[in-house]
Amino acid sequence: AGRNDGELIRINDLAFKNNCRFNTVDEAVEAIRNSFTQDVTGVGQTVRYLHRKAGFRDVYMVMDAKPGSVAEFRCKGRVELWDPWTGNIKALRVKGETPEGTLVELPLEEYEAQIVVFTPGKKHVNPAETSDSPAPAELYFPLEWNVSFIPTMDNKWGDFRLPAGDKRMIGPEARRFRWAQETGDMAVRAMLPETDDSAWEEKLHGFGSQMYVLGPISKNTGIYYLEKRLAEMKNLDPSVPEYVYGRKFVWEPYDFSWRQGKEGDPGHQGYHGLKRSITNDFLCLGKAEQALNEIRYVDEIPEGRYYIWTCVTTDNELTADILFSDQPPEDKSHTSPVLTPSIIYVNGVPVSFPNNGIKLNAGVNTILARYDNAGRGHFVVRLHEVPEASVTTPLSMKWTDDDAVIPFDIYAGKSGAEWFRFLSAPGTSAISFRTPGEAEAWIDGIPMKKESDGRFVAEKVPEKAAVAAIRIVPPGPGVTGGALIPEPIEIETDGSGLMRTGDWSESGILKNYSGGIRYKNKISITSAQARSGIIADLGKVAGTAAVY
């Protein structure tokens, strides 16, 4: 039955006469309000409240009342304000009584919950009047505070990272960096704090560009000559667009980690995070949409086509297989349509059986693959007839421990130094990280001393947050970007740092910091001020704070 159902209208007219109906919701609310006295009514304002009986007492919780405003309670007797945090009890000021209740002055702020307790039958005595005293002197803290960092993430059992216990307490770390390949005079200016890196790319540790993606291109668009030209390309400049019948298409770099796959998308998971698995299908093409505990990739345009272009660079001639997805994953790690290449070109030549041994030349070998639908899958070049790894790293794709996997090389054999920059924590005294390449490091423009195990020590510890710069020469083709720093960079501080209070996420690597910070400062006060009591106003605190 709907609102225009005849039978419903007839029954409604029979049950509710015209004089028992209201034309608007506001009329109904007003009628209810006037039918009985409410437990709490704000005088000149609207307040929210709850009312409970606790034995012989009436307990009210009131919010939204302005400091010094008055509310009428439908109760009489002794009235007190109870502090649930400290247990303190103090008498409230009664401004008068009404036939059914008591007018009470409420002292706290609008956002505070006021616990008002009536004891019926007990005589109320107002608190003593206080004479107006001169306003206390205001003292302002210095803008900058001495800070030290207090790690709280205990990784003994692997709650935050695997392997467990590798580093017990996780403190400040650098996880994302501004990144660029070394060009021109970068070798003499990239380490300087004043260098503008706003145009540099952002990279996450462990993730590097492995291929370029073009598309989607409509199925109805002729691609024969385009595809032939793309297959014969010896190298690719992503700044040069492709034009297909007058329409512009741009190559986009595709980053992934051989351990974690596509950033932020490990595949289908449970309701409460990772379920001990990461899908081996790291290649995702199409429009991302939220599905049940996963992200699915669907067509951006009907039957749109995509191209991926990359290279593998080898020292010698060898035989390899190209492994690609052609069935849904057996572990049900995602439900996206399966990405299976329609055609694969190696060195400009179509390959009929790419997973049954293909010859690769010594040097650069170009690869082009076309996909005729969106979805998810994998595309891996691997040495022919080499057994797979028997042991795999927990929470990783199977490719990460497979020594037979040949890394992709989007730079077609060209290799050079790469730079990473980040704004470190105040008082940074040392940084530590692993890299397969050769590394140098600077802090605030000053070279850091290289020690063993990837640790670099500051010659001069900067008090404030300073730019750290790292130059890495890759070990060879195919390892680039964040892949050169597979794990977060550990930051050591010596407690001498200076920082303003405020939002950590606006201060470089502290955006990813989870832990405590101890702020320390000094102010001068007179003995009279010390005797009169001191109140420290910390402003808005968006966490748990303790004052010592």
Protein backbone atom coordinates (compact mmCIF):
# COMPACT_ATOMS: atom_id res chain seq x y z
CA ALA A 1 0.00 0.00 0.00
CA GLY A 2 1.26 3.48 -0.89
CA ARG A 3 0.27 6.97 0.21
CA ASN A 4 -2.32 7.17 -2.58
CA ASP A 5 -3.81 3.73 -1.90
CA GLY A 6 -7.57 4.08 -1.58
CA GLU A 7 -8.02 1.50 1.16
CA LEU A 8 -5.20 3.04 3.22
CA ILE A 9 -6.79 6.48 2.89
CA ARG A 10 -10.15 5.10 4.04
CA ILE A 11 -8.65 3.42 7.12
CA ASN A 12 -6.60 6.52 7.92
CA ASP A 13 -9.68 8.77 7.73
CA LEU A 14 -11.55 6.39 10.01
CA ALA A 15 -8.77 6.28 12.63
CA PHE A 16 -7.76 9.96 12.66
CA LYS A 17 -10.39 12.68 12.54
CA ASN A 18 -9.57 16.06 11.01
CA ASN A 19 -9.30 17.77 14.39
CA CYS A 20 -6.63 15.22 15.45
CA ARG A 21 -4.29 15.94 12.56
CA PHE A 22 -1.39 18.35 12.11
CA ASN A 23 -0.52 20.05 8.87
CA THR A 24 3.24 20.14 9.49
CA VAL A 25 5.86 18.36 11.53
CA ASP A 26 6.58 21.57 13.46
CA GLU A 27 2.95 21.67 14.62
CA ALA A 28 3.23 18.12 15.90
CA VAL A 29 6.48 18.86 17.77
CA GLU A 30 5.00 21.98 19.36
CA ALA A 31 1.88 20.08 20.47
CA ILE A 32 4.00 17.38 22.09
CA ARG A 33 6.18 20.01 23.80
CA ASN A 34 3.14 21.76 25.26
CA SER A 35 1.52 18.56 26.48
CA PHE A 36 3.85 18.12 29.46
CA THR A 37 6.78 19.74 31.19
CA GLN A 38 10.10 18.54 29.83
CA ASP A 39 12.79 17.22 32.15
CA VAL A 40 15.16 20.03 31.14
CA THR A 41 14.34 23.25 29.31
CA GLY A 42 16.96 25.80 28.35
CA VAL A 43 16.01 29.42 29.08
CA GLY A 44 16.47 31.27 25.80
CA GLN A 45 18.35 28.36 24.23
CA THR A 46 17.99 24.73 23.21
CA VAL A 47 19.95 22.13 25.16
CA ARG A 48 20.38 18.40 24.83
CA TYR A 49 19.99 16.21 27.90
CA LEU A 50 19.62 12.74 29.36
CA HIS A 51 17.81 11.95 32.63
CA ARG A 52 18.29 8.91 34.84
CA LYS A 53 17.18 7.90 38.32
CA ALA A 54 20.05 6.64 40.50
CA GLY A 55 18.52 5.47 43.75
CA PHE A 56 16.92 8.47 45.38
CA ARG A 57 18.80 10.95 43.19
CA ASP A 58 17.97 12.46 39.79
CA VAL A 59 20.98 12.57 37.45
CA TYR A 60 21.02 14.74 34.34
CA MET A 61 23.65 15.04 31.60
CA VAL A 62 23.32 18.39 29.80
CA MET A 63 25.14 19.64 26.71
CA ASP A 64 25.01 22.73 24.45
CA ALA A 65 24.37 25.10 27.39
CA LYS A 66 26.33 28.34 27.18
CA PRO A 67 28.53 29.24 30.19
CA GLY A 68 26.45 31.14 32.76
CA SER A 69 23.14 30.32 31.04
CA VAL A 70 20.09 29.04 32.94
CA ALA A 71 18.09 25.86 32.46
CA GLU A 72 14.91 24.70 34.19
CA PHE A 73 15.02 21.18 35.65
CA ARG A 74 11.79 19.36 36.50
CA CYS A 75 13.12 18.53 39.96
CA LYS A 76 13.72 20.17 43.36
CA GLY A 77 16.17 19.75 46.20
CA ARG A 78 19.91 20.12 46.59
CA VAL A 79 21.60 20.50 43.19
CA GLU A 80 25.28 19.84 42.49
CA LEU A 81 27.72 19.55 39.60
CA TRP A 82 29.59 16.22 39.64
CA ASP A 83 32.90 15.91 37.78
CA PRO A 84 33.16 12.33 36.41
CA TRP A 85 36.89 12.74 35.71
CA THR A 86 38.04 13.84 39.16
CA GLY A 87 35.12 12.92 41.43
CA ASN A 88 34.86 16.53 42.64
CA ILE A 89 31.41 17.77 43.68
CA LYS A 90 30.37 21.40 44.00
CA ALA A 91 27.10 23.20 44.58
CA LEU A 92 25.47 24.92 41.62
CA ARG A 93 23.82 28.32 41.77
CA VAL A 94 20.00 28.24 41.89
CA LYS A 95 18.42 31.32 40.31
CA GLY A 96 14.89 30.52 41.45
CA GLU A 97 12.10 27.97 41.53
CA THR A 98 9.04 27.38 39.36
CA PRO A 99 5.88 25.49 40.34
CA GLU A 100 7.35 22.30 38.87
CA GLY A 101 11.09 22.73 38.98
CA THR A 102 14.30 24.66 39.61
CA LEU A 103 16.16 27.29 37.59
CA VAL A 104 19.87 26.42 37.66
CA GLU A 105 22.88 28.34 36.35
CA LEU A 106 25.21 26.09 34.31
CA PRO A 107 28.91 27.01 34.38
CA LEU A 108 30.66 24.88 31.75
CA GLU A 109 31.29 25.34 28.04
CA GLU A 110 28.79 24.32 25.35
CA TYR A 111 30.90 21.36 24.22
CA GLU A 112 31.27 19.97 27.76
CA ALA A 113 28.93 17.42 29.30
CA GLN A 114 27.57 18.77 32.62
CA ILE A 115 26.52 16.12 35.14
CA VAL A 116 23.83 17.79 37.28
CA VAL A 117 22.65 15.79 40.30
CA PHE A 118 19.54 16.58 42.40
CA THR A 119 19.00 15.14 45.87
CA PRO A 120 15.25 15.59 46.57
CA GLY A 121 14.29 16.48 50.12
CA LYS A 122 17.65 18.10 50.88
CA LYS A 123 17.91 21.85 51.37
CA HIS A 124 19.96 23.61 48.76
CA VAL A 125 22.53 26.25 49.71
CA ASN A 126 23.97 28.43 46.96
CA PRO A 127 27.75 28.77 46.78
CA ALA A 128 29.21 31.95 48.26
CA GLU A 129 29.35 34.99 46.02
CA THR A 130 32.86 35.74 44.76
CA SER A 131 34.08 39.27 44.35
CA ASP A 132 35.41 40.16 40.93
CA SER A 133 39.19 39.83 41.00
CA PRO A 134 41.53 41.35 38.47
CA ALA A 135 42.11 39.26 35.39
CA PRO A 136 45.16 37.02 35.79
CA ALA A 137 48.28 37.90 33.89
CA GLU A 138 48.66 36.03 30.61
CA LEU A 139 52.01 34.51 29.76
CA TYR A 140 52.71 33.18 26.29
CA PHE A 141 54.83 30.16 25.52
CA PRO A 142 57.59 30.59 22.96
CA LEU A 143 56.50 29.53 19.48
CA GLU A 144 59.15 26.82 19.19
CA TRP A 145 59.49 23.89 21.58
CA ASN A 146 62.27 21.43 22.21
CA VAL A 147 60.99 18.04 21.01
CA SER A 148 61.94 14.42 21.47
CA PHE A 149 60.19 11.45 19.91
CA ILE A 150 58.71 8.57 21.89
CA PRO A 151 58.10 5.45 19.77
CA THR A 152 54.99 3.49 20.76
CA MET A 153 54.69 0.93 17.92
CA ASP A 154 56.06 -2.28 19.46
CA ASN A 155 56.67 -4.72 16.61
CA LYS A 156 57.77 -7.67 18.73
CA TRP A 157 54.99 -9.87 17.36
CA GLY A 158 54.80 -8.37 13.87
CA ASP A 159 51.71 -6.25 14.53
CA PHE A 160 52.93 -3.52 12.18
CA ARG A 161 55.52 -5.09 9.90
CA LEU A 162 57.06 -8.39 8.91
CA PRO A 163 59.44 -9.91 9.82
CA ALA A 164 58.45 -9.58 13.47
CA GLY A 165 61.02 -8.26 15.89
CA ASP A 166 63.38 -7.18 13.11
CA LYS A 167 63.19 -3.72 14.66
CA ARG A 168 61.40 -3.80 18.02
CA MET A 169 60.17 -0.21 18.32
CA ILE A 170 59.22 1.67 15.17
CA GLY A 171 59.94 5.38 15.45
CA PRO A 172 60.08 8.20 12.88
CA GLU A 173 60.61 6.95 9.32
CA ALA A 174 60.80 8.33 5.81
CA ARG A 175 58.46 6.36 3.56
CA ARG A 176 57.73 8.72 0.68
CA PHE A 177 60.27 10.80 -1.19
CA ARG A 178 60.59 13.41 -3.89
CA TRP A 179 62.46 11.62 -6.66
CA ALA A 180 64.26 12.50 -9.88
CA GLN A 181 66.89 11.07 -12.18
CA GLU A 182 70.16 12.97 -12.19
CA THR A 183 70.42 15.42 -15.07
CA GLY A 184 72.47 18.53 -15.82
CA ASP A 185 73.85 20.25 -12.75
CA MET A 186 71.70 18.22 -10.36
CA ALA A 187 74.82 16.52 -8.97
CA VAL A 188 75.91 19.80 -7.36
CA ARG A 189 72.55 21.27 -6.32
CA ALA A 190 70.12 18.41 -5.54
CA MET A 191 71.44 18.15 -1.97
CA LEU A 192 70.96 21.85 -1.18
CA PRO A 193 67.97 22.73 1.04
CA GLU A 194 66.93 25.62 -1.22
CA THR A 195 66.63 23.41 -4.32
CA ASP A 196 63.06 23.39 -5.62
CA ASP A 197 61.88 19.77 -5.87
CA SER A 198 58.18 20.54 -6.31
CA ALA A 199 58.27 19.24 -9.90
CA TRP A 200 59.92 15.97 -8.87
CA GLU A 201 57.82 12.81 -8.77
CA GLU A 202 56.73 11.24 -5.49
CA LYS A 203 57.84 7.68 -4.80
CA LEU A 204 56.96 5.21 -2.06
CA HIS A 205 59.70 2.94 -0.74
CA GLY A 206 59.76 -0.38 -2.60
CA PHE A 207 57.74 0.91 -5.59
CA GLY A 208 59.27 1.85 -8.92
CA SER A 209 58.16 2.43 -12.51
CA GLN A 210 58.18 -0.88 -14.40
CA MET A 211 56.24 -0.15 -17.59
CA TYR A 212 54.24 2.48 -19.46
CA VAL A 213 50.49 2.24 -20.12
CA LEU A 214 48.54 3.81 -23.00
CA GLY A 215 44.76 3.85 -23.28
CA PRO A 216 41.95 3.12 -23.30
CA ILE A 217 41.54 3.40 -27.07
CA SER A 218 38.15 2.65 -28.57
CA LYS A 219 37.73 -0.74 -30.22
CA ASN A 220 36.25 1.00 -33.26
CA THR A 221 39.44 2.97 -33.84
CA GLY A 222 41.86 1.62 -36.43
CA ILE A 223 45.10 0.69 -34.68
CA TYR A 224 47.06 -1.32 -37.24
CA TYR A 225 49.66 1.34 -38.06
CA LEU A 226 49.77 2.59 -34.48
CA GLU A 227 50.42 -0.88 -33.13
CA LYS A 228 53.11 -1.59 -35.71
CA ARG A 229 54.94 1.63 -34.83
CA LEU A 230 54.64 1.04 -31.05
CA ALA A 231 56.01 -2.49 -31.40
CA GLU A 232 59.07 -1.20 -33.26
CA MET A 233 59.94 1.56 -30.77
CA LYS A 234 63.42 1.13 -29.27
CA ASN A 235 62.80 3.53 -26.42
CA LEU A 236 59.90 5.62 -25.12
CA ASP A 237 59.67 9.27 -24.13
CA PRO A 238 56.49 9.63 -22.03
CA SER A 239 56.41 13.39 -22.66
CA VAL A 240 55.65 12.71 -26.33
CA PRO A 241 51.94 11.89 -26.79
CA GLU A 242 50.43 9.51 -29.30
CA TYR A 243 47.76 10.71 -31.74
CA VAL A 244 45.14 8.29 -33.04
CA TYR A 245 42.88 9.83 -35.69
CA GLY A 246 43.42 13.26 -34.15
CA ARG A 247 42.82 12.17 -30.58
CA LYS A 248 45.65 12.62 -28.09
CA PHE A 249 46.78 9.79 -25.81
CA VAL A 250 49.49 10.05 -23.15
CA TRP A 251 51.78 7.32 -21.85
CA GLU A 252 51.52 6.92 -18.05
CA PRO A 253 54.24 5.26 -15.94
CA TYR A 254 53.04 2.19 -14.07
CA ASP A 255 54.61 1.65 -10.65
CA PHE A 256 54.46 -1.49 -8.57
CA SER A 257 56.49 -3.42 -6.01
CA TRP A 258 57.69 -6.95 -6.71
CA ARG A 259 56.75 -7.69 -3.10
CA GLN A 260 53.54 -5.74 -2.48
CA GLY A 261 52.16 -5.45 -6.01
CA LYS A 262 50.02 -2.43 -6.81
CA GLU A 263 50.27 0.28 -4.16
CA GLY A 264 47.36 0.25 -1.73
CA ASP A 265 45.63 -2.68 -3.42
CA PRO A 266 46.69 -6.16 -2.21
CA GLY A 267 43.57 -7.78 -3.66
CA HIS A 268 40.51 -9.23 -1.95
CA GLN A 269 40.79 -9.10 1.84
CA GLY A 270 38.74 -9.66 4.98
CA TYR A 271 36.77 -7.09 6.92
CA HIS A 272 39.66 -6.30 9.27
CA GLY A 273 42.69 -5.95 7.01
CA LEU A 274 45.07 -8.32 5.26
CA LYS A 275 44.23 -12.00 5.50
CA ARG A 276 47.81 -13.27 5.11
CA SER A 277 47.74 -12.91 1.35
CA ILE A 278 48.66 -10.52 -1.44
CA THR A 279 47.46 -11.28 -4.93
CA ASN A 280 50.11 -12.12 -7.54
CA ASP A 281 48.14 -10.05 -10.07
CA PHE A 282 49.80 -6.64 -9.89
CA LEU A 283 48.73 -5.28 -13.28
CA CYS A 284 45.45 -3.32 -13.04
CA LEU A 285 43.91 -1.56 -16.04
CA GLY A 286 40.61 0.31 -16.20
CA LYS A 287 38.39 2.23 -13.84
CA ALA A 288 38.72 1.33 -10.15
CA GLU A 289 35.47 0.81 -8.28
CA GLN A 290 34.84 -0.37 -4.72
CA ALA A 291 33.53 -3.93 -4.40
CA LEU A 292 33.12 -6.32 -1.47
CA ASN A 293 36.42 -6.05 0.44
CA GLU A 294 38.39 -5.30 -2.71
CA ILE A 295 38.83 -2.89 -5.60
CA ARG A 296 37.59 -4.13 -8.97
CA TYR A 297 38.80 -2.82 -12.33
CA VAL A 298 36.18 -2.37 -15.01
CA ASP A 299 35.95 -0.81 -18.48
CA GLU A 300 36.42 2.94 -18.69
CA ILE A 301 34.87 2.80 -22.16
CA PRO A 302 33.14 -0.22 -23.70
CA GLU A 303 35.79 -2.73 -24.82
CA GLY A 304 38.58 -0.19 -24.55
CA ARG A 305 42.06 -1.30 -25.58
CA TYR A 306 45.26 -0.75 -23.59
CA TYR A 307 48.94 -1.07 -24.47
CA ILE A 308 51.81 -1.70 -22.08
CA TRP A 309 55.38 -1.01 -23.22
CA THR A 310 58.55 -1.96 -21.40
CA CYS A 311 61.96 -3.61 -21.87
CA VAL A 312 64.12 -6.28 -20.33
CA THR A 313 67.88 -5.82 -20.49
CA THR A 314 70.17 -8.85 -20.24
CA ASP A 315 73.94 -9.37 -20.30
CA ASN A 316 73.75 -12.42 -22.55
CA GLU A 317 71.45 -14.14 -24.99
CA LEU A 318 69.01 -16.35 -23.11
CA THR A 319 65.69 -18.16 -23.26
CA ALA A 320 62.81 -16.79 -21.21
CA ASP A 321 59.08 -17.26 -20.70
CA ILE A 322 56.45 -14.54 -20.54
CA LEU A 323 53.94 -15.51 -17.89
CA PHE A 324 50.54 -13.88 -17.98
CA SER A 325 47.14 -14.46 -16.42
CA ASP A 326 44.57 -16.37 -18.46
CA GLN A 327 42.31 -17.73 -15.70
CA PRO A 328 40.79 -16.29 -12.53
CA PRO A 329 43.23 -16.70 -9.61
CA GLU A 330 42.92 -20.04 -7.82
CA ASP A 331 43.24 -18.32 -4.44
CA LYS A 332 40.27 -16.05 -5.30
CA SER A 333 42.44 -13.05 -4.49
CA HIS A 334 40.34 -10.79 -6.71
CA THR A 335 37.17 -10.83 -8.79
CA SER A 336 38.13 -8.34 -11.51
CA PRO A 337 37.93 -9.48 -15.13
CA VAL A 338 41.05 -11.44 -16.05
CA LEU A 339 43.70 -9.49 -17.98
CA THR A 340 45.00 -11.67 -20.82
CA PRO A 341 47.07 -10.04 -23.57
CA SER A 342 45.56 -10.28 -27.04
CA ILE A 343 49.00 -10.02 -28.65
CA ILE A 344 52.58 -9.68 -27.44
CA TYR A 345 55.50 -8.28 -29.42
CA VAL A 346 59.14 -8.89 -28.47
CA ASN A 347 61.66 -6.75 -30.34
CA GLY A 348 58.89 -5.78 -32.77
CA VAL A 349 57.90 -9.38 -33.64
CA PRO A 350 54.62 -11.04 -32.54
CA VAL A 351 55.20 -13.98 -30.20
CA SER A 352 52.94 -17.01 -30.66
CA PHE A 353 53.82 -19.04 -27.56
CA PRO A 354 55.44 -16.59 -25.13
CA ASN A 355 55.20 -18.96 -22.17
CA ASN A 356 57.07 -21.77 -23.91
CA GLY A 357 60.50 -20.27 -24.36
CA ILE A 358 61.43 -17.18 -26.39
CA LYS A 359 64.89 -15.99 -27.36
CA LEU A 360 66.11 -12.73 -25.83
CA ASN A 361 69.07 -10.85 -27.25
CA ALA A 362 72.00 -9.64 -25.21
CA GLY A 363 71.20 -6.03 -24.33
CA VAL A 364 67.82 -4.32 -24.60
CA ASN A 365 64.70 -6.27 -25.61
CA THR A 366 61.52 -4.23 -26.14
CA ILE A 367 58.11 -5.65 -25.22
CA LEU A 368 54.66 -4.43 -26.26
CA ALA A 369 51.41 -6.08 -25.16
CA ARG A 370 47.84 -5.20 -26.10
CA TYR A 371 44.86 -5.83 -23.85
CA ASP A 372 41.32 -5.66 -25.24
CA ASN A 373 39.57 -5.23 -21.91
CA ALA A 374 40.01 -3.78 -18.47
CA GLY A 375 40.73 -5.98 -15.48
CA ARG A 376 43.51 -7.40 -13.36
CA GLY A 377 46.32 -9.87 -14.02
CA HIS A 378 50.07 -10.37 -14.12
CA PHE A 379 52.74 -10.05 -16.80
CA VAL A 380 56.16 -11.45 -15.90
CA VAL A 381 59.32 -12.28 -17.86
CA ARG A 382 61.13 -15.27 -16.34
CA LEU A 383 64.11 -17.47 -17.17
CA HIS A 384 62.99 -20.61 -19.00
CA GLU A 385 62.75 -23.92 -17.12
CA VAL A 386 64.05 -22.58 -13.81
CA PRO A 387 62.19 -24.01 -10.78
CA GLU A 388 60.13 -21.59 -8.72
CA ALA A 389 61.29 -20.58 -5.25
CA SER A 390 60.26 -23.09 -2.58
CA VAL A 391 60.10 -20.50 0.21
CA THR A 392 58.32 -17.17 -0.06
CA THR A 393 58.37 -14.08 2.11
CA PRO A 394 55.18 -13.71 4.17
CA LEU A 395 52.71 -11.12 2.89
CA SER A 396 54.25 -10.83 -0.55
CA MET A 397 53.69 -11.79 -4.15
CA LYS A 398 55.40 -15.01 -5.19
CA TRP A 399 57.57 -13.07 -7.64
CA THR A 400 59.56 -11.32 -4.90
CA ASP A 401 61.55 -14.47 -3.97
CA ASP A 402 61.83 -15.79 -7.54
CA ASP A 403 65.41 -15.23 -8.69
CA ALA A 404 64.39 -16.27 -12.21
CA VAL A 405 62.22 -13.15 -12.67
CA ILE A 406 63.88 -10.64 -15.00
CA PRO A 407 63.10 -7.04 -13.91
CA PHE A 408 61.57 -4.63 -16.38
CA ASP A 409 63.68 -1.73 -17.63
CA ILE A 410 61.63 1.21 -18.91
CA TYR A 411 64.79 3.22 -19.63
CA ALA A 412 65.95 0.75 -22.33
CA GLY A 413 69.39 0.11 -20.88
CA LYS A 414 70.14 3.67 -19.86
CA SER A 415 71.11 3.96 -16.22
CA GLY A 416 72.28 6.82 -14.04
CA ALA A 417 72.20 8.19 -10.52
CA GLU A 418 68.85 8.90 -8.89
CA TRP A 419 68.00 11.41 -6.16
CA PHE A 420 65.63 11.16 -3.22
CA ARG A 421 64.68 14.05 -0.93
CA PHE A 422 62.47 14.38 2.16
CA LEU A 423 61.93 16.77 5.06
CA SER A 424 63.27 14.93 8.09
CA ALA A 425 62.37 15.24 11.76
CA PRO A 426 63.84 18.01 13.96
CA GLY A 427 67.12 16.96 15.55
CA THR A 428 67.90 14.23 13.00
CA SER A 429 71.26 12.76 14.01
CA ALA A 430 71.40 9.72 11.70
CA ILE A 431 69.47 7.81 9.04
CA SER A 432 69.62 4.12 8.12
CA PHE A 433 68.39 2.29 5.03
CA ARG A 434 69.13 -0.64 2.72
CA THR A 435 69.72 -0.26 -0.99
CA PRO A 436 71.05 -2.54 -3.72
CA GLY A 437 72.92 0.45 -5.18
CA GLU A 438 75.70 2.77 -4.02
CA ALA A 439 74.43 5.58 -1.81
CA GLU A 440 75.51 8.97 -0.49
CA ALA A 441 73.51 11.17 1.89
CA TRP A 442 73.28 14.81 2.99
CA ILE A 443 71.31 16.59 5.72
CA ASP A 444 70.67 20.32 5.45
CA GLY A 445 73.14 20.42 2.57
CA ILE A 446 75.99 18.91 4.63
CA PRO A 447 77.40 15.46 3.72
CA MET A 448 76.63 12.69 6.22
CA LYS A 449 79.28 10.23 7.34
CA LYS A 450 78.70 6.75 5.94
CA GLU A 451 79.02 3.91 8.44
CA SER A 452 78.34 0.18 8.14
CA ASP A 453 74.93 -1.40 7.48
CA GLY A 454 73.57 1.59 5.56
CA ARG A 455 73.81 4.06 8.45
CA PHE A 456 74.65 7.71 7.76
CA VAL A 457 75.52 10.07 10.63
CA ALA A 458 75.05 13.84 10.59
CA GLU A 459 78.25 15.86 11.02
CA LYS A 460 76.11 18.69 12.36
CA VAL A 461 72.67 17.91 13.81
CA PRO A 462 70.08 20.40 12.52
CA GLU A 463 67.78 21.72 15.26
CA LYS A 464 64.79 22.22 12.97
CA ALA A 465 63.28 19.94 10.37
CA ALA A 466 65.81 19.78 7.55
CA VAL A 467 65.93 18.39 4.02
CA ALA A 468 67.69 15.04 3.73
CA ALA A 469 68.97 14.15 0.26
CA ILE A 470 70.15 10.75 -0.94
CA ARG A 471 71.96 9.95 -4.19
CA ILE A 472 71.90 6.31 -5.32
CA VAL A 473 73.64 4.75 -8.30
CA PRO A 474 71.52 1.71 -9.31
CA PRO A 475 73.20 -1.72 -9.48
CA GLY A 476 71.99 -2.13 -13.06
CA PRO A 477 68.95 -1.84 -15.33
CA GLY A 478 65.50 -2.56 -13.96
CA VAL A 479 65.89 -1.23 -10.42
CA THR A 480 64.68 2.35 -10.19
CA GLY A 481 62.65 4.79 -8.11
CA GLY A 482 61.40 3.52 -4.77
CA ALA A 483 62.66 0.02 -5.62
CA LEU A 484 66.13 1.34 -4.75
CA ILE A 485 64.93 1.82 -1.15
CA PRO A 486 62.95 -1.36 -0.42
CA GLU A 487 62.17 -0.54 3.24
CA PRO A 488 61.40 2.73 5.09
CA ILE A 489 64.35 4.91 6.07
CA GLU A 490 64.87 4.85 9.84
CA ILE A 491 65.35 8.27 11.40
CA GLU A 492 67.37 8.76 14.59
CA THR A 493 66.98 11.96 16.61
CA ASP A 494 69.00 13.20 19.58
CA GLY A 495 66.34 15.25 21.42
CA SER A 496 67.83 18.62 20.45
CA GLY A 497 65.17 19.41 17.83
CA LEU A 498 62.97 22.50 17.79
CA MET A 499 59.43 22.51 16.42
CA ARG A 500 56.24 24.48 16.70
CA THR A 501 53.12 22.83 18.03
CA GLY A 502 50.50 21.98 15.45
CA ASP A 503 49.52 19.39 12.89
CA TRP A 504 52.31 16.83 12.42
CA SER A 505 51.02 15.90 8.97
CA GLU A 506 52.20 19.28 7.71
CA SER A 507 55.80 18.58 8.70
CA GLY A 508 57.51 16.26 6.22
CA ILE A 509 58.00 12.66 7.32
CA LEU A 510 55.94 13.21 10.49
CA LYS A 511 52.88 12.83 8.26
CA ASN A 512 53.49 9.07 8.60
CA TYR A 513 54.63 9.10 12.23
CA SER A 514 52.60 7.20 14.81
CA GLY A 515 53.90 7.65 18.34
CA GLY A 516 54.43 10.33 20.96
CA ILE A 517 56.30 13.62 21.04
CA ARG A 518 57.54 15.22 24.25
CA TYR A 519 57.42 19.03 24.02
CA LYS A 520 59.60 20.94 26.47
CA ASN A 521 59.82 24.68 27.09
CA LYS A 522 60.73 27.28 29.71
CA ILE A 523 58.88 30.39 30.89
CA SER A 524 59.75 32.82 33.67
CA ILE A 525 57.20 33.58 36.39
CA THR A 526 57.26 35.58 39.60
CA SER A 527 56.91 34.02 43.04
CA ALA A 528 53.48 35.68 43.39
CA GLN A 529 52.32 34.11 40.16
CA ALA A 530 53.57 30.73 41.32
CA ARG A 531 51.58 31.05 44.58
CA SER A 532 48.38 32.08 42.81
CA GLY A 533 48.22 28.97 40.68
CA ILE A 534 48.89 28.50 36.99
CA ILE A 535 46.62 27.30 34.21
CA ALA A 536 48.19 26.17 30.94
CA ASP A 537 45.94 26.55 27.91
CA LEU A 538 47.15 24.06 25.29
CA GLY A 539 44.57 25.09 22.72
CA LYS A 540 43.08 22.33 20.59
CA VAL A 541 44.71 18.98 21.29
CA ALA A 542 43.90 16.32 18.68
CA GLY A 543 45.18 13.41 20.74
CA THR A 544 46.08 12.36 24.26
CA ALA A 545 48.16 14.91 26.18
CA ALA A 546 49.86 14.84 29.56
CA VAL A 547 51.52 17.81 31.26
CA TYR A 548 54.55 17.50 33.58
